[in-house]
Amino acid sequence: MQRHILRNLPRVQAKAFVRATAATAAKASPVALTRQFSSKVPVKQTNLLINGEFVPSSSGRTFETFNPATEEKIADVSEAVNADIDAAVAAARDAFEGPWRTMSAENRGRLLYKLADLIEENIDEIAALEALDNGKPFHVAKENDLQLVLKTLRYYAGWPDKIHGSVIPISGPYLCYTKAEPVGVCAQIIPWNFPLLMMAWKLGPALAAGNTIVLKPANRRLSRLSASAS
């Protein structure tokens, strides 16, 4: 509807209309805006992502996660226990010893670009969950947090084929050089305040360098990370 109106307005008036619409949105209640954009976004998955599959906790335990702005329940989330952690680490180790470590740097970069593209394709749904889960306005989640997530992932997607060692000058008949190698499975702990962005900060460089990851998000901010994994 807005697009149709803009087509029929002179350019100056169209700009004024956009500014007025933005001003109205800026004055609206954060809770109202969040509900407006997130009311039709269901939480599709609350299980643990292990070895490429969503699975329930081996204990069967779950916990509730809430929208801190409204105190409304968002979802029940599977609670990982020691057995689940061991399974996740084993799966990450298998991936590291198998296809991921031997994958070309170019293809690692392509997969990181693809991850960013998939997030961008689903940005409204993910931003709505970000708003619900963090109690922030939808437009802040979409225009600030998610844009930085995309920039971060695409930045590190350009790095895999630029990570290399160097030859170091040394006295005598010796060859001295460094070789950059992945360290293996990385445990990454994500805080509550900017979960998706901080996930990108940690995930991007680790994957670009050829490592695999076991990710532990803050237990109060899980629905959006589950959606990202989906």
C-alpha atoms as a PDB file:
ATOM      1  CA  MET A   1       0.000   0.000   0.000  1.00  0.00           C
ATOM      2  CA  GLN A   2       2.796   2.400   0.936  1.00  0.00           C
ATOM      3  CA  ARG A   3       4.631   1.603  -2.295  1.00  0.00           C
ATOM      4  CA  HIS A   4       1.478   2.358  -4.331  1.00  0.00           C
ATOM      5  CA  ILE A   5       1.061   5.710  -2.554  1.00  0.00           C
ATOM      6  CA  LEU A   6       4.690   6.647  -3.173  1.00  0.00           C
ATOM      7  CA  ARG A   7       4.404   5.922  -6.899  1.00  0.00           C
ATOM      8  CA  ASN A   8       1.626   8.482  -7.182  1.00  0.00           C
ATOM      9  CA  LEU A   9       3.338  11.243  -5.213  1.00  0.00           C
ATOM     10  CA  PRO A  10       5.769  13.819  -6.594  1.00  0.00           C
ATOM     11  CA  ARG A  11       9.318  13.120  -5.500  1.00  0.00           C
ATOM     12  CA  VAL A  12       9.467  15.831  -2.829  1.00  0.00           C
ATOM     13  CA  GLN A  13       6.125  14.782  -1.362  1.00  0.00           C
ATOM     14  CA  ALA A  14       7.164  11.125  -1.443  1.00  0.00           C
ATOM     15  CA  LYS A  15      10.256  11.926   0.612  1.00  0.00           C
ATOM     16  CA  ALA A  16       8.150  13.890   3.077  1.00  0.00           C
ATOM     17  CA  PHE A  17       5.725  10.955   3.342  1.00  0.00           C
ATOM     18  CA  VAL A  18       8.578   8.559   4.106  1.00  0.00           C
ATOM     19  CA  ARG A  19       9.961  10.912   6.759  1.00  0.00           C
ATOM     20  CA  ALA A  20       6.529  11.289   8.354  1.00  0.00           C
ATOM     21  CA  THR A  21       6.001   7.525   8.369  1.00  0.00           C
ATOM     22  CA  ALA A  22       9.414   6.978   9.954  1.00  0.00           C
ATOM     23  CA  ALA A  23       8.703   9.658  12.553  1.00  0.00           C
ATOM     24  CA  THR A  24       5.395   8.010  13.438  1.00  0.00           C
ATOM     25  CA  ALA A  25       7.106   4.648  13.820  1.00  0.00           C
ATOM     26  CA  ALA A  26       9.832   6.182  15.961  1.00  0.00           C
ATOM     27  CA  LYS A  27       7.247   7.629  18.353  1.00  0.00           C
ATOM     28  CA  ALA A  28       5.292   4.385  18.620  1.00  0.00           C
ATOM     29  CA  SER A  29       5.613   2.222  21.690  1.00  0.00           C
ATOM     30  CA  PRO A  30       8.492  -0.294  21.349  1.00  0.00           C
ATOM     31  CA  VAL A  31       6.170  -2.988  22.661  1.00  0.00           C
ATOM     32  CA  ALA A  32       3.479  -2.101  20.092  1.00  0.00           C
ATOM     33  CA  LEU A  33       5.980  -2.110  17.235  1.00  0.00           C
ATOM     34  CA  THR A  34       7.452  -5.404  18.341  1.00  0.00           C
ATOM     35  CA  ARG A  35       4.015  -7.018  18.534  1.00  0.00           C
ATOM     36  CA  GLN A  36       3.062  -5.568  15.149  1.00  0.00           C
ATOM     37  CA  PHE A  37       5.963  -7.248  13.368  1.00  0.00           C
ATOM     38  CA  SER A  38       6.270 -10.413  15.434  1.00  0.00           C
ATOM     39  CA  SER A  39       2.669 -11.489  16.049  1.00  0.00           C
ATOM     40  CA  LYS A  40       2.720 -13.820  13.049  1.00  0.00           C
ATOM     41  CA  VAL A  41       6.203 -15.236  13.643  1.00  0.00           C
ATOM     42  CA  PRO A  42       6.003 -18.616  15.372  1.00  0.00           C
ATOM     43  CA  VAL A  43       9.012 -20.143  17.087  1.00  0.00           C
ATOM     44  CA  LYS A  44       9.480 -23.165  14.871  1.00  0.00           C
ATOM     45  CA  GLN A  45      12.198 -24.996  16.736  1.00  0.00           C
ATOM     46  CA  THR A  46      13.267 -25.174  20.353  1.00  0.00           C
ATOM     47  CA  ASN A  47      15.424 -28.292  20.335  1.00  0.00           C
ATOM     48  CA  LEU A  48      19.210 -28.639  20.370  1.00  0.00           C
ATOM     49  CA  LEU A  49      21.094 -28.488  17.069  1.00  0.00           C
ATOM     50  CA  ILE A  50      23.605 -31.363  17.086  1.00  0.00           C
ATOM     51  CA  ASN A  51      25.261 -32.888  14.020  1.00  0.00           C
ATOM     52  CA  GLY A  52      22.982 -30.955  11.682  1.00  0.00           C
ATOM     53  CA  GLU A  53      19.747 -32.136  13.301  1.00  0.00           C
ATOM     54  CA  PHE A  54      17.392 -30.682  15.879  1.00  0.00           C
ATOM     55  CA  VAL A  55      17.056 -33.118  18.766  1.00  0.00           C
ATOM     56  CA  PRO A  56      15.416 -32.922  22.205  1.00  0.00           C
ATOM     57  CA  SER A  57      17.530 -32.963  25.344  1.00  0.00           C
ATOM     58  CA  SER A  58      18.541 -36.486  26.321  1.00  0.00           C
ATOM     59  CA  SER A  59      17.095 -35.697  29.757  1.00  0.00           C
ATOM     60  CA  GLY A  60      13.791 -34.509  28.312  1.00  0.00           C
ATOM     61  CA  ARG A  61      14.112 -31.309  30.347  1.00  0.00           C
ATOM     62  CA  THR A  62      13.097 -27.901  29.011  1.00  0.00           C
ATOM     63  CA  PHE A  63      12.972 -24.359  30.352  1.00  0.00           C
ATOM     64  CA  GLU A  64      10.883 -21.334  29.470  1.00  0.00           C
ATOM     65  CA  THR A  65      12.122 -18.212  27.707  1.00  0.00           C
ATOM     66  CA  PHE A  66      10.243 -14.910  27.988  1.00  0.00           C
ATOM     67  CA  ASN A  67       9.964 -11.565  26.242  1.00  0.00           C
ATOM     68  CA  PRO A  68      11.532  -9.234  28.863  1.00  0.00           C
ATOM     69  CA  ALA A  69       9.465  -6.256  27.634  1.00  0.00           C
ATOM     70  CA  THR A  70       6.092  -7.920  28.196  1.00  0.00           C
ATOM     71  CA  GLU A  71       6.946 -10.954  30.359  1.00  0.00           C
ATOM     72  CA  GLU A  72       5.044 -13.095  27.849  1.00  0.00           C
ATOM     73  CA  LYS A  73       6.289 -16.630  27.316  1.00  0.00           C
ATOM     74  CA  ILE A  74       7.927 -17.190  23.927  1.00  0.00           C
ATOM     75  CA  ALA A  75       8.732 -20.898  23.981  1.00  0.00           C
ATOM     76  CA  ASP A  76       9.936 -23.936  25.869  1.00  0.00           C
ATOM     77  CA  VAL A  77      13.573 -24.654  25.043  1.00  0.00           C
ATOM     78  CA  SER A  78      15.393 -27.964  25.391  1.00  0.00           C
ATOM     79  CA  GLU A  79      17.914 -27.894  28.244  1.00  0.00           C
ATOM     80  CA  ALA A  80      21.244 -29.498  27.351  1.00  0.00           C
ATOM     81  CA  VAL A  81      22.889 -31.803  29.886  1.00  0.00           C
ATOM     82  CA  ASN A  82      26.341 -33.410  29.945  1.00  0.00           C
ATOM     83  CA  ALA A  83      25.387 -36.162  27.498  1.00  0.00           C
ATOM     84  CA  ASP A  84      24.142 -33.591  24.987  1.00  0.00           C
ATOM     85  CA  ILE A  85      27.328 -31.548  25.334  1.00  0.00           C
ATOM     86  CA  ASP A  86      29.443 -34.655  24.750  1.00  0.00           C
ATOM     87  CA  ALA A  87      27.399 -35.481  21.649  1.00  0.00           C
ATOM     88  CA  ALA A  88      27.815 -31.951  20.306  1.00  0.00           C
ATOM     89  CA  VAL A  89      31.584 -31.985  20.882  1.00  0.00           C
ATOM     90  CA  ALA A  90      31.909 -35.412  19.239  1.00  0.00           C
ATOM     91  CA  ALA A  91      29.926 -34.242  16.208  1.00  0.00           C
ATOM     92  CA  ALA A  92      32.055 -31.096  15.928  1.00  0.00           C
ATOM     93  CA  ARG A  93      35.230 -33.190  16.176  1.00  0.00           C
ATOM     94  CA  ASP A  94      34.006 -35.564  13.459  1.00  0.00           C
ATOM     95  CA  ALA A  95      33.268 -32.601  11.197  1.00  0.00           C
ATOM     96  CA  PHE A  96      36.686 -31.118  11.925  1.00  0.00           C
ATOM     97  CA  GLU A  97      38.527 -34.353  11.191  1.00  0.00           C
ATOM     98  CA  GLY A  98      36.395 -34.919   8.100  1.00  0.00           C
ATOM     99  CA  PRO A  99      35.048 -32.611   5.408  1.00  0.00           C
ATOM    100  CA  TRP A 100      35.413 -29.203   7.058  1.00  0.00           C
ATOM    101  CA  ARG A 101      39.148 -29.326   7.724  1.00  0.00           C
ATOM    102  CA  THR A 102      39.936 -30.565   4.224  1.00  0.00           C
ATOM    103  CA  MET A 103      37.532 -28.197   2.464  1.00  0.00           C
ATOM    104  CA  SER A 104      39.215 -25.595   0.301  1.00  0.00           C
ATOM    105  CA  ALA A 105      39.481 -22.085   1.701  1.00  0.00           C
ATOM    106  CA  GLU A 106      37.455 -20.802  -1.242  1.00  0.00           C
ATOM    107  CA  ASN A 107      34.542 -23.112  -0.444  1.00  0.00           C
ATOM    108  CA  ARG A 108      34.625 -22.208   3.259  1.00  0.00           C
ATOM    109  CA  GLY A 109      34.249 -18.594   2.231  1.00  0.00           C
ATOM    110  CA  ARG A 110      31.356 -19.448  -0.073  1.00  0.00           C
ATOM    111  CA  LEU A 111      29.505 -21.172   2.767  1.00  0.00           C
ATOM    112  CA  LEU A 112      29.916 -18.147   5.027  1.00  0.00           C
ATOM    113  CA  TYR A 113      28.575 -15.922   2.260  1.00  0.00           C
ATOM    114  CA  LYS A 114      25.655 -18.337   1.886  1.00  0.00           C
ATOM    115  CA  LEU A 115      24.943 -18.164   5.620  1.00  0.00           C
ATOM    116  CA  ALA A 116      24.765 -14.368   5.407  1.00  0.00           C
ATOM    117  CA  ASP A 117      22.490 -14.587   2.364  1.00  0.00           C
ATOM    118  CA  LEU A 118      20.103 -16.979   4.131  1.00  0.00           C
ATOM    119  CA  ILE A 119      19.887 -14.670   7.151  1.00  0.00           C
ATOM    120  CA  GLU A 120      19.166 -11.739   4.842  1.00  0.00           C
ATOM    121  CA  GLU A 121      16.427 -13.697   3.039  1.00  0.00           C
ATOM    122  CA  ASN A 122      14.706 -14.363   6.381  1.00  0.00           C
ATOM    123  CA  ILE A 123      15.624 -11.089   8.049  1.00  0.00           C
ATOM    124  CA  ASP A 124      12.087 -10.047   9.024  1.00  0.00           C
ATOM    125  CA  GLU A 125      11.385 -13.289  10.864  1.00  0.00           C
ATOM    126  CA  ILE A 126      14.767 -13.324  12.585  1.00  0.00           C
ATOM    127  CA  ALA A 127      14.503  -9.638  13.527  1.00  0.00           C
ATOM    128  CA  ALA A 128      11.034 -10.237  14.971  1.00  0.00           C
ATOM    129  CA  LEU A 129      12.405 -13.037  17.139  1.00  0.00           C
ATOM    130  CA  GLU A 130      15.323 -10.808  18.116  1.00  0.00           C
ATOM    131  CA  ALA A 131      12.825  -8.162  19.213  1.00  0.00           C
ATOM    132  CA  LEU A 132      10.719 -10.650  21.169  1.00  0.00           C
ATOM    133  CA  ASP A 133      13.659 -12.369  22.784  1.00  0.00           C
ATOM    134  CA  ASN A 134      15.543  -9.219  23.746  1.00  0.00           C
ATOM    135  CA  GLY A 135      12.636  -6.872  24.451  1.00  0.00           C
ATOM    136  CA  LYS A 136      13.754  -4.324  21.861  1.00  0.00           C
ATOM    137  CA  PRO A 137      11.904  -2.591  18.992  1.00  0.00           C
ATOM    138  CA  PHE A 138      11.665  -4.496  15.717  1.00  0.00           C
ATOM    139  CA  HIS A 139      13.272  -1.730  13.656  1.00  0.00           C
ATOM    140  CA  VAL A 140      16.293  -1.629  15.973  1.00  0.00           C
ATOM    141  CA  ALA A 141      16.781  -5.377  15.647  1.00  0.00           C
ATOM    142  CA  LYS A 142      16.427  -5.301  11.862  1.00  0.00           C
ATOM    143  CA  GLU A 143      18.246  -2.091  10.955  1.00  0.00           C
ATOM    144  CA  ASN A 144      21.010  -2.249  13.561  1.00  0.00           C
ATOM    145  CA  ASP A 145      21.713  -5.713  14.950  1.00  0.00           C
ATOM    146  CA  LEU A 146      20.944  -7.800  11.873  1.00  0.00           C
ATOM    147  CA  GLN A 147      22.746  -5.453   9.484  1.00  0.00           C
ATOM    148  CA  LEU A 148      25.892  -5.790  11.589  1.00  0.00           C
ATOM    149  CA  VAL A 149      25.478  -9.573  11.609  1.00  0.00           C
ATOM    150  CA  LEU A 150      25.442  -9.575   7.796  1.00  0.00           C
ATOM    151  CA  LYS A 151      28.462  -7.277   7.574  1.00  0.00           C
ATOM    152  CA  THR A 152      30.426  -9.398  10.046  1.00  0.00           C
ATOM    153  CA  LEU A 153      29.748 -12.708   8.307  1.00  0.00           C
ATOM    154  CA  ARG A 154      30.523 -11.285   4.870  1.00  0.00           C
ATOM    155  CA  TYR A 155      33.717  -9.716   6.158  1.00  0.00           C
ATOM    156  CA  TYR A 156      35.000 -13.035   7.460  1.00  0.00           C
ATOM    157  CA  ALA A 157      33.731 -14.855   4.362  1.00  0.00           C
ATOM    158  CA  GLY A 158      36.422 -12.983   2.447  1.00  0.00           C
ATOM    159  CA  TRP A 159      39.227 -14.183   4.720  1.00  0.00           C
ATOM    160  CA  PRO A 160      39.639 -17.981   4.308  1.00  0.00           C
ATOM    161  CA  ASP A 161      41.843 -17.797   1.185  1.00  0.00           C
ATOM    162  CA  LYS A 162      43.936 -14.989   2.691  1.00  0.00           C
ATOM    163  CA  ILE A 163      45.101 -16.855   5.803  1.00  0.00           C
ATOM    164  CA  HIS A 164      48.635 -18.110   5.191  1.00  0.00           C
ATOM    165  CA  GLY A 165      51.997 -18.512   6.836  1.00  0.00           C
ATOM    166  CA  SER A 166      55.257 -16.690   6.202  1.00  0.00           C
ATOM    167  CA  VAL A 167      58.958 -17.384   5.671  1.00  0.00           C
ATOM    168  CA  ILE A 168      61.160 -15.840   8.371  1.00  0.00           C
ATOM    169  CA  PRO A 169      64.747 -14.705   7.618  1.00  0.00           C
ATOM    170  CA  ILE A 170      67.250 -16.594   9.787  1.00  0.00           C
ATOM    171  CA  SER A 171      71.043 -16.983   9.919  1.00  0.00           C
ATOM    172  CA  GLY A 172      72.628 -20.183   8.653  1.00  0.00           C
ATOM    173  CA  PRO A 173      71.543 -22.909   6.235  1.00  0.00           C
ATOM    174  CA  TYR A 174      68.041 -23.187   7.655  1.00  0.00           C
ATOM    175  CA  LEU A 175      64.515 -22.677   6.459  1.00  0.00           C
ATOM    176  CA  CYS A 176      62.221 -21.090   9.021  1.00  0.00           C
ATOM    177  CA  TYR A 177      58.541 -20.649   8.291  1.00  0.00           C
ATOM    178  CA  THR A 178      55.159 -20.436   9.985  1.00  0.00           C
ATOM    179  CA  LYS A 179      52.068 -22.337   8.917  1.00  0.00           C
ATOM    180  CA  ALA A 180      48.558 -21.284   9.929  1.00  0.00           C
ATOM    181  CA  GLU A 181      46.400 -24.250  10.941  1.00  0.00           C
ATOM    182  CA  PRO A 182      42.972 -24.536  12.599  1.00  0.00           C
ATOM    183  CA  VAL A 183      43.041 -25.483  16.272  1.00  0.00           C
ATOM    184  CA  GLY A 184      40.012 -27.807  16.199  1.00  0.00           C
ATOM    185  CA  VAL A 185      36.733 -27.637  18.104  1.00  0.00           C
ATOM    186  CA  CYS A 186      36.000 -24.223  19.635  1.00  0.00           C
ATOM    187  CA  ALA A 187      33.632 -23.748  22.578  1.00  0.00           C
ATOM    188  CA  GLN A 188      31.930 -20.378  22.196  1.00  0.00           C
ATOM    189  CA  ILE A 189      29.820 -18.787  24.945  1.00  0.00           C
ATOM    190  CA  ILE A 190      27.418 -16.040  23.876  1.00  0.00           C
ATOM    191  CA  PRO A 191      26.102 -13.392  26.331  1.00  0.00           C
ATOM    192  CA  TRP A 192      22.530 -12.166  26.533  1.00  0.00           C
ATOM    193  CA  ASN A 193      22.630  -8.592  25.249  1.00  0.00           C
ATOM    194  CA  PHE A 194      23.445  -8.931  21.511  1.00  0.00           C
ATOM    195  CA  PRO A 195      23.241 -12.696  20.946  1.00  0.00           C
ATOM    196  CA  LEU A 196      23.093 -12.794  17.149  1.00  0.00           C
ATOM    197  CA  LEU A 197      25.763 -10.164  16.640  1.00  0.00           C
ATOM    198  CA  MET A 198      28.096 -11.692  19.201  1.00  0.00           C
ATOM    199  CA  MET A 199      27.463 -15.087  17.648  1.00  0.00           C
ATOM    200  CA  ALA A 200      28.620 -13.662  14.302  1.00  0.00           C
ATOM    201  CA  TRP A 201      31.718 -12.134  15.931  1.00  0.00           C
ATOM    202  CA  LYS A 202      32.752 -15.528  17.272  1.00  0.00           C
ATOM    203  CA  LEU A 203      31.453 -17.832  14.562  1.00  0.00           C
ATOM    204  CA  GLY A 204      32.835 -15.877  11.592  1.00  0.00           C
ATOM    205  CA  PRO A 205      36.584 -15.975  12.343  1.00  0.00           C
ATOM    206  CA  ALA A 206      36.495 -19.499  13.785  1.00  0.00           C
ATOM    207  CA  LEU A 207      34.814 -21.000  10.719  1.00  0.00           C
ATOM    208  CA  ALA A 208      36.895 -18.919   8.315  1.00  0.00           C
ATOM    209  CA  ALA A 209      40.048 -20.355   9.886  1.00  0.00           C
ATOM    210  CA  GLY A 210      38.789 -23.933   9.469  1.00  0.00           C
ATOM    211  CA  ASN A 211      37.643 -24.670  13.007  1.00  0.00           C
ATOM    212  CA  THR A 212      34.349 -26.202  14.094  1.00  0.00           C
ATOM    213  CA  ILE A 213      32.146 -24.887  16.879  1.00  0.00           C
ATOM    214  CA  VAL A 214      30.041 -25.853  19.854  1.00  0.00           C
ATOM    215  CA  LEU A 215      27.938 -22.790  20.649  1.00  0.00           C
ATOM    216  CA  LYS A 216      26.465 -22.118  24.089  1.00  0.00           C
ATOM    217  CA  PRO A 217      24.085 -19.125  23.954  1.00  0.00           C
ATOM    218  CA  ALA A 218      22.719 -17.350  27.000  1.00  0.00           C
ATOM    219  CA  ASN A 219      19.863 -19.436  28.358  1.00  0.00           C
ATOM    220  CA  ARG A 220      17.474 -16.464  28.282  1.00  0.00           C
ATOM    221  CA  ARG A 221      18.042 -15.602  24.624  1.00  0.00           C
ATOM    222  CA  LEU A 222      17.571 -18.806  22.666  1.00  0.00           C
ATOM    223  CA  SER A 223      14.629 -18.562  20.300  1.00  0.00           C
ATOM    224  CA  ARG A 224      16.393 -16.306  17.805  1.00  0.00           C
ATOM    225  CA  LEU A 225      19.537 -18.466  17.703  1.00  0.00           C
ATOM    226  CA  SER A 226      17.392 -21.524  17.133  1.00  0.00           C
ATOM    227  CA  ALA A 227      15.726 -19.737  14.223  1.00  0.00           C
ATOM    228  CA  SER A 228      19.112 -18.760  12.778  1.00  0.00           C
ATOM    229  CA  ALA A 229      20.240 -22.366  12.925  1.00  0.00           C
ATOM    230  CA  SER A 230      17.045 -23.427  11.133  1.00  0.00           C
END
